[in-house]
Amino acid sequence: MPLMTTEQAADRLGVSVRHVQRLVSGGELLAIGTDRVDADSVAQWMAQRQGSRVRAWEEPTAWAAVALLEGAPAAWVGQAQRSRLRSALAGAAAAELAARTRNRATVHRYRAHPRALDRLAREVVASGAAGGIGGLSAAPDRCDGYVDERVEERLVQRYRLDPDPSGGVTLRATRMPIDVVEELAGGRRQVLAGLDLAGSTDPRERSTGHRLLDRALGQLRG
C-alpha cells in the first residue's frame, strides 16, 4: 500500500493540510496512522475531478444530467432547470461532464472475501463499468455499483468489507431513489457506466469512459 504524508498529499492535491484532514474525516481519503495517507485514495480523488477545479453540480442536478443524456425526463427538477442544464450539457466536454456530475454519489472502495462478491453484486445497481462495456474486458473479480446511502453501512458489516482504495469492491452511495438509478443504469444505457469509467485511475478505462460520454453528448447536440 503506497503511502504519503499529509503534507505531500496536500501538495499533490493543491490544497491545505487542513483540507486534507477534512477529506480524511469525511471518508474521501484513507488515512493510515496519524500522518500518512493512502496514495491510491489521493489518485482516485483527483481522478473524480478530472484534473479540474470546476464546481460540481448538486446531486439532483447531476442525476438530471444523466437522465437528459439518456433521453429520460428528469422529472425531479423543474422545466426551467432542465432547459438550463440541457444548454450546459450542449457546451460540455466529456472531462467537464465527469467532473461536474461527481456529486451523484459518494464513492467508497473496499476489500472483500472473493466468495462475497457474487452475493454483494445482487444487492447493488451495477452501472456496467465492470461488465466489459466499450470493448473493455469484463472484471468478474470486481463489484462496482450504486446503493442507497442508508444501506451502505449495513452491507459493509454484513459482508465484512474493509476500506481499501485498491480493493475490488466499489460502492457508490447516493440519496437518489434507487429505482431511478436502476432505470438509468438498465438496458443498453451507457452514460452512467461512462461516468464511472471516466473517474477511473486506469488510463484505458478513463479513455473508454470519455468516449462513451462524447458519444452521448454528441447525440444530445443532435
Protein backbone atom coordinates (compact mmCIF):
# COMPACT_ATOMS: atom_id res chain seq x y z
CA MET A 1 0.00 0.00 0.00
CA PRO A 2 1.78 3.21 -1.15
CA LEU A 3 1.66 6.00 1.40
CA MET A 4 2.38 9.71 1.50
CA THR A 5 2.47 12.22 4.32
CA THR A 6 -0.44 14.58 4.88
CA GLU A 7 1.75 17.42 3.63
CA GLN A 8 2.68 15.51 0.48
CA ALA A 9 -1.00 14.79 -0.15
CA ALA A 10 -1.80 18.48 0.27
CA ASP A 11 0.90 19.41 -2.24
CA ARG A 12 -0.35 16.78 -4.68
CA LEU A 13 -3.93 18.00 -4.46
CA GLY A 14 -3.06 21.70 -4.35
CA VAL A 15 -4.91 22.25 -1.07
CA SER A 16 -4.01 22.94 2.54
CA VAL A 17 -3.07 20.29 5.09
CA ARG A 18 -6.26 21.16 6.97
CA HIS A 19 -8.27 20.48 3.81
CA VAL A 20 -6.64 17.06 3.52
CA GLN A 21 -7.55 16.39 7.15
CA ARG A 22 -11.17 17.30 6.36
CA LEU A 23 -11.15 14.93 3.39
CA VAL A 24 -9.88 12.17 5.66
CA SER A 25 -12.57 12.92 8.27
CA GLY A 26 -15.21 12.82 5.55
CA GLY A 27 -14.02 9.44 4.28
CA GLU A 28 -12.87 10.80 0.91
CA LEU A 29 -9.22 9.95 1.65
CA LEU A 30 -7.93 6.99 3.61
CA ALA A 31 -5.57 7.75 6.49
CA ILE A 32 -3.05 5.21 7.77
CA GLY A 33 -1.84 6.25 11.20
CA THR A 34 -1.60 9.86 12.31
CA ASP A 35 0.27 11.44 9.39
CA ARG A 36 0.05 9.06 6.45
CA VAL A 37 -2.49 8.98 3.64
CA ASP A 38 -3.02 6.15 1.19
CA ALA A 39 -1.64 7.37 -2.15
CA ASP A 40 -4.23 5.42 -4.16
CA SER A 41 -7.06 7.26 -2.42
CA VAL A 42 -5.39 10.55 -3.38
CA ALA A 43 -5.12 9.45 -7.02
CA GLN A 44 -8.76 8.41 -7.04
CA TRP A 45 -9.89 11.71 -5.51
CA MET A 46 -8.07 13.52 -8.31
CA ALA A 47 -9.48 11.23 -10.98
CA GLN A 48 -13.01 12.00 -9.87
CA ARG A 49 -12.30 15.67 -10.54
CA GLN A 50 -10.67 15.07 -13.92
CA GLY A 51 -7.80 17.43 -13.03
CA SER A 52 -10.32 20.26 -13.00
CA ARG A 53 -11.48 22.71 -10.35
CA VAL A 54 -14.93 23.16 -11.89
CA ARG A 55 -17.72 23.25 -9.37
CA ALA A 56 -19.72 20.04 -9.13
CA TRP A 57 -23.48 20.11 -9.60
CA GLU A 58 -25.71 19.22 -6.68
CA GLU A 59 -26.78 15.59 -6.57
CA PRO A 60 -30.29 16.04 -8.11
CA THR A 61 -28.80 18.11 -10.94
CA ALA A 62 -26.07 15.55 -11.58
CA TRP A 63 -28.66 12.78 -11.89
CA ALA A 64 -30.81 15.01 -14.09
CA ALA A 65 -27.82 15.37 -16.41
CA VAL A 66 -27.55 11.58 -16.64
CA ALA A 67 -31.27 11.36 -17.38
CA LEU A 68 -31.23 14.02 -20.10
CA LEU A 69 -28.29 12.35 -21.82
CA GLU A 70 -30.26 9.10 -21.80
CA GLY A 71 -33.39 10.77 -23.16
CA ALA A 72 -35.24 10.36 -19.85
CA PRO A 73 -37.49 13.13 -18.44
CA ALA A 74 -35.64 14.01 -15.18
CA ALA A 75 -38.97 14.86 -13.56
CA TRP A 76 -37.38 15.70 -10.18
CA VAL A 77 -36.11 19.06 -11.48
CA GLY A 78 -38.22 21.88 -12.88
CA GLN A 79 -38.66 22.71 -16.54
CA ALA A 80 -36.55 25.87 -16.37
CA GLN A 81 -33.70 23.98 -14.69
CA ARG A 82 -33.92 21.20 -17.28
CA SER A 83 -33.63 23.79 -20.05
CA ARG A 84 -30.57 25.42 -18.45
CA LEU A 85 -29.00 22.04 -17.83
CA ARG A 86 -29.56 20.93 -21.42
CA SER A 87 -27.81 24.10 -22.62
CA ALA A 88 -24.90 23.46 -20.25
CA LEU A 89 -24.59 19.88 -21.50
CA ALA A 90 -24.60 21.02 -25.11
CA GLY A 91 -21.46 23.03 -24.44
CA ALA A 92 -19.67 20.49 -22.20
CA ALA A 93 -16.79 18.16 -22.97
CA ALA A 94 -16.56 14.66 -21.52
CA ALA A 95 -13.99 15.51 -18.83
CA GLU A 96 -16.01 18.51 -17.65
CA LEU A 97 -19.19 16.43 -17.55
CA ALA A 98 -17.49 13.77 -15.43
CA ALA A 99 -16.19 16.40 -13.01
CA ARG A 100 -19.49 18.24 -12.70
CA THR A 101 -21.53 15.09 -12.04
CA ARG A 102 -19.24 13.63 -9.37
CA ASN A 103 -21.72 14.50 -6.60
CA ARG A 104 -24.18 11.93 -7.94
CA ALA A 105 -22.72 9.54 -5.35
CA THR A 106 -20.08 9.23 -2.67
CA VAL A 107 -17.55 6.61 -3.74
CA HIS A 108 -16.06 4.17 -1.22
CA ARG A 109 -13.76 1.27 -2.08
CA TYR A 110 -13.36 -1.90 -0.06
CA ARG A 111 -11.67 -5.27 0.08
CA ALA A 112 -13.95 -8.30 0.32
CA HIS A 113 -13.62 -12.05 0.51
CA PRO A 114 -13.92 -13.42 -3.07
CA ARG A 115 -16.87 -15.60 -2.08
CA ALA A 116 -18.82 -12.50 -1.03
CA LEU A 117 -18.64 -10.77 -4.42
CA ASP A 118 -21.49 -12.61 -6.13
CA ARG A 119 -23.88 -12.09 -3.22
CA LEU A 120 -22.88 -8.45 -2.85
CA ALA A 121 -23.36 -7.85 -6.59
CA ARG A 122 -27.02 -8.82 -6.21
CA GLU A 123 -27.53 -6.02 -3.68
CA VAL A 124 -26.18 -3.13 -5.76
CA VAL A 125 -27.23 -1.46 -9.00
CA ALA A 126 -24.38 -2.17 -11.39
CA SER A 127 -23.69 0.65 -13.83
CA GLY A 128 -21.92 -1.66 -16.26
CA ALA A 129 -18.49 -0.14 -15.69
CA ALA A 130 -17.02 -3.51 -14.71
CA GLY A 131 -19.07 -5.53 -17.17
CA GLY A 132 -16.94 -5.32 -20.30
CA ILE A 133 -18.59 -2.26 -21.81
CA GLY A 134 -16.97 -0.26 -24.61
CA GLY A 135 -14.57 -3.02 -25.62
CA LEU A 136 -13.12 -3.46 -22.13
CA SER A 137 -12.75 -6.92 -20.64
CA ALA A 138 -15.31 -7.91 -18.04
CA ALA A 139 -13.99 -7.95 -14.48
CA PRO A 140 -15.64 -10.85 -12.59
CA ASP A 141 -13.36 -10.24 -9.61
CA ARG A 142 -14.85 -6.76 -9.08
CA CYS A 143 -18.14 -5.46 -7.75
CA ASP A 144 -18.97 -1.89 -8.74
CA GLY A 145 -22.41 -0.46 -8.17
CA TYR A 146 -24.77 2.07 -6.64
CA VAL A 147 -26.52 1.70 -3.30
CA ASP A 148 -28.87 3.77 -1.21
CA GLU A 149 -26.62 5.62 1.22
CA ARG A 150 -28.80 4.41 4.09
CA VAL A 151 -27.90 0.76 3.46
CA GLU A 152 -24.21 1.07 2.69
CA GLU A 153 -23.08 0.59 6.29
CA ARG A 154 -25.29 -2.48 6.60
CA LEU A 155 -23.63 -4.01 3.54
CA VAL A 156 -20.19 -3.18 4.92
CA GLN A 157 -20.99 -5.02 8.13
CA ARG A 158 -22.81 -7.96 6.52
CA TYR A 159 -20.01 -8.72 4.07
CA ARG A 160 -17.16 -7.66 6.36
CA LEU A 161 -15.83 -5.13 3.90
CA ASP A 162 -12.54 -3.43 4.78
CA PRO A 163 -11.72 0.05 3.43
CA ASP A 164 -9.11 -0.32 0.70
CA PRO A 165 -8.63 2.11 -2.24
CA SER A 166 -7.19 -0.77 -4.26
CA GLY A 167 -9.93 -3.22 -3.30
CA GLY A 168 -12.26 -4.96 -5.72
CA VAL A 169 -15.49 -3.53 -4.31
CA THR A 170 -16.70 -0.03 -5.23
CA LEU A 171 -19.88 1.18 -3.54
CA ARG A 172 -21.37 4.41 -4.86
CA ALA A 173 -23.72 5.68 -2.16
CA THR A 174 -26.48 8.00 -3.32
CA ARG A 175 -29.58 9.73 -1.99
CA MET A 176 -31.34 9.45 -5.36
CA PRO A 177 -34.19 6.88 -5.16
CA ILE A 178 -32.58 3.60 -6.11
CA ASP A 179 -35.35 2.74 -8.56
CA VAL A 180 -34.43 5.86 -10.54
CA VAL A 181 -30.77 4.81 -10.52
CA GLU A 182 -31.73 1.32 -11.66
CA GLU A 183 -33.73 2.75 -14.54
CA LEU A 184 -30.85 4.96 -15.67
CA ALA A 185 -28.37 2.08 -15.44
CA GLY A 186 -30.51 -0.58 -17.07
CA GLY A 187 -30.82 -1.97 -20.55
CA ARG A 188 -28.39 -0.66 -23.13
CA ARG A 189 -27.86 2.66 -21.38
CA GLN A 190 -24.22 3.64 -21.12
CA VAL A 191 -23.97 7.18 -19.70
CA LEU A 192 -23.67 6.09 -16.07
CA ALA A 193 -21.04 3.49 -16.95
CA GLY A 194 -19.21 6.15 -18.95
CA LEU A 195 -19.15 8.49 -15.95
CA ASP A 196 -17.90 5.75 -13.64
CA LEU A 197 -15.17 4.74 -16.08
CA ALA A 198 -14.18 8.37 -16.67
CA GLY A 199 -13.40 8.64 -12.95
CA SER A 200 -11.04 5.66 -13.02
CA THR A 201 -7.29 5.92 -12.42
CA ASP A 202 -6.74 3.36 -15.18
CA PRO A 203 -5.95 5.20 -18.45
CA ARG A 204 -7.76 2.68 -20.68
CA GLU A 205 -10.90 2.74 -18.55
CA ARG A 206 -10.82 6.53 -18.38
CA SER A 207 -10.41 6.80 -22.16
CA THR A 208 -13.33 4.42 -22.71
CA GLY A 209 -15.47 6.46 -20.32
CA HIS A 210 -14.68 9.68 -22.17
CA ARG A 211 -15.53 8.03 -25.48
CA LEU A 212 -18.93 6.90 -24.19
CA LEU A 213 -19.63 10.37 -22.82
CA ASP A 214 -18.53 12.09 -26.03
CA ARG A 215 -20.99 9.90 -27.92
CA ALA A 216 -23.85 10.76 -25.56
CA LEU A 217 -23.05 14.49 -25.71
CA GLY A 218 -22.93 14.35 -29.49
CA GLN A 219 -26.34 12.72 -29.64
CA LEU A 220 -27.77 15.39 -27.32
CA ARG A 221 -26.49 18.15 -29.59
CA GLY A 222 -28.16 16.38 -32.49
